[in-house]
Every structure is written in C-alpha cells, then in structure tokens.
C-alpha cells in the first residue's frame, strides 16, 4: 500500500451539497457500511445518507483534529494556520470575550 493511500485511509469526506461528513471510524449505519471503511472502499453506487448526493460530490477534509486547509498553506501567516478548527474557535471567541470585558471595564472609570 502506498504512503498516500495509508495517509488518506482515515480522512473524512464532506458532502458539498448538504455538509454531511463521512467518518471512516464510524462508517454509515443507514447504508450498512461497517466502521473503519475508508471512503475509497465504499461501493461505487454509495450515496450521501442525508441528501442522496453521489460519491463524486464529496471532498476530502482530512482526518479529525488536524489543521484545516491545504498542507502547502499551513506555514503562512502568524502560525494560526496550524491550529485545529476547535483551537481557532477558542482563540476567536476568547478574544471577543476579553474585548467585551475591557469594554465593560470602561464603565468603572469616572
């Protein structure tokens, strides 16, 4: 098995039509696909369990917990490109909360 195939074995795929994400570790109960079935091993006639889009309507979004985006772009910016989506949410909403607290603290000035 090639390195590319081993790397993509646990990649998740997102339906461009409805946003459903096929996760190989969970499989697809609705279509009797067992857990740990890679996207490439799904039958040709397999369709999205939510909107019935064909297999070609899915795009690779990488494994869970990995930084989102193209691998060649992860080195750009101030290092934020290497954060996972969850870490980006904490950074964004944490900064908003701190800004809001600073705004509220201005009421204490007379």
Protein backbone atom coordinates (compact mmCIF):
# COMPACT_ATOMS: atom_id res chain seq x y z
CA UNK A 1 0.00 0.00 0.00
CA UNK A 2 1.45 3.40 -0.95
CA UNK A 3 2.14 6.20 1.54
CA UNK A 4 -0.65 8.32 0.00
CA UNK A 5 -3.21 5.52 0.49
CA UNK A 6 -2.14 4.96 4.12
CA UNK A 7 -2.31 8.73 4.73
CA UNK A 8 -5.83 9.02 3.24
CA UNK A 9 -7.24 5.88 4.89
CA UNK A 10 -8.79 7.76 7.81
CA UNK A 11 -9.53 11.02 6.01
CA UNK A 12 -13.04 12.37 6.41
CA UNK A 13 -15.04 13.44 3.36
CA UNK A 14 -17.66 16.22 3.31
CA UNK A 15 -20.68 16.34 1.04
CA UNK A 16 -20.60 19.60 -0.91
CA UNK A 17 -24.39 19.54 -1.26
CA UNK A 18 -25.51 19.24 2.38
CA UNK A 19 -22.40 19.31 4.60
CA UNK A 20 -22.65 15.69 5.82
CA UNK A 21 -19.22 14.37 6.83
CA UNK A 22 -18.44 10.70 6.22
CA UNK A 23 -16.19 9.49 9.02
CA UNK A 24 -14.46 6.18 8.30
CA UNK A 25 -14.14 5.32 12.00
CA UNK A 26 -17.95 5.41 12.37
CA UNK A 27 -18.98 4.04 8.98
CA UNK A 28 -22.57 4.52 7.77
CA UNK A 29 -25.34 2.68 9.63
CA UNK A 30 -28.03 3.82 7.21
CA UNK A 31 -26.33 2.10 4.25
CA UNK A 32 -24.85 -0.85 6.22
CA UNK A 33 -21.25 0.34 5.91
CA UNK A 34 -19.15 -1.07 8.74
CA UNK A 35 -16.83 1.13 10.84
CA UNK A 36 -13.24 1.62 9.65
CA UNK A 37 -14.26 1.51 5.98
CA UNK A 38 -12.25 4.09 4.06
CA UNK A 39 -14.02 6.38 1.60
CA UNK A 40 -12.21 4.75 -1.33
CA UNK A 41 -13.57 1.34 -0.29
CA UNK A 42 -17.21 2.48 -0.38
CA UNK A 43 -19.28 0.93 -3.17
CA UNK A 44 -19.48 2.95 -6.42
CA UNK A 45 -23.24 3.36 -6.04
CA UNK A 46 -22.99 4.59 -2.42
CA UNK A 47 -24.80 7.89 -1.86
CA UNK A 48 -24.91 10.51 0.88
CA UNK A 49 -27.27 9.28 3.62
CA UNK A 50 -28.68 12.80 4.09
CA UNK A 51 -29.26 14.18 0.59
CA UNK A 52 -28.50 11.18 -1.70
CA UNK A 53 -25.68 13.03 -3.49
CA UNK A 54 -23.30 10.73 -5.42
CA UNK A 55 -19.86 9.83 -4.15
CA UNK A 56 -18.20 12.31 -6.53
CA UNK A 57 -19.91 15.21 -4.68
CA UNK A 58 -17.64 14.68 -1.65
CA UNK A 59 -14.36 16.45 -0.92
CA UNK A 60 -11.53 15.32 1.33
CA UNK A 61 -11.40 17.37 4.56
CA UNK A 62 -8.60 15.36 6.19
CA UNK A 63 -8.52 13.45 9.46
CA UNK A 64 -10.33 14.71 12.55
CA UNK A 65 -8.40 17.08 14.79
CA UNK A 66 -5.96 18.15 12.11
CA UNK A 67 -5.47 21.72 10.96
CA UNK A 68 -7.86 22.55 8.14
CA UNK A 69 -6.67 23.86 4.79
CA UNK A 70 -4.16 22.91 2.15
CA UNK A 71 -0.92 21.45 3.53
CA UNK A 72 1.25 23.83 1.49
CA UNK A 73 -0.53 26.86 3.06
CA UNK A 74 -0.18 25.82 6.71
CA UNK A 75 3.20 27.59 7.08
CA UNK A 76 1.91 31.06 6.17
CA UNK A 77 0.58 33.74 8.49
CA UNK A 78 1.30 34.13 12.19
CA UNK A 79 1.04 30.40 12.94
CA UNK A 80 -2.75 30.44 13.14
CA UNK A 81 -2.98 28.26 10.01
CA UNK A 82 -1.66 25.30 12.00
CA UNK A 83 -4.44 25.44 14.59
CA UNK A 84 -7.29 22.95 14.51
CA UNK A 85 -10.81 24.35 14.00
CA UNK A 86 -11.54 23.91 17.72
CA UNK A 87 -8.42 25.86 18.69
CA UNK A 88 -9.36 28.63 16.24
CA UNK A 89 -12.81 28.88 17.87
CA UNK A 90 -11.25 29.23 21.31
CA UNK A 91 -8.88 31.91 20.03
CA UNK A 92 -11.62 33.91 18.27
CA UNK A 93 -14.31 33.73 20.95
CA UNK A 94 -11.77 34.12 23.76
CA UNK A 95 -10.51 37.35 22.16
CA UNK A 96 -14.09 38.57 21.78
CA UNK A 97 -14.79 37.84 25.47
CA UNK A 98 -11.64 39.67 26.59
CA UNK A 99 -12.56 42.64 24.38
CA UNK A 100 -16.06 42.69 25.85
CA UNK A 101 -14.64 42.64 29.40
CA UNK A 102 -12.34 45.56 28.56
CA UNK A 103 -15.34 47.42 27.15
CA UNK A 104 -17.33 46.80 30.34
CA UNK A 105 -14.39 47.93 32.46
CA UNK A 106 -14.64 51.39 30.86
CA UNK A 107 -17.89 51.93 32.81
CA UNK A 108 -15.85 51.80 36.00
CA UNK A 109 -13.94 54.94 35.01
CA UNK A 110 -15.39 58.22 36.12
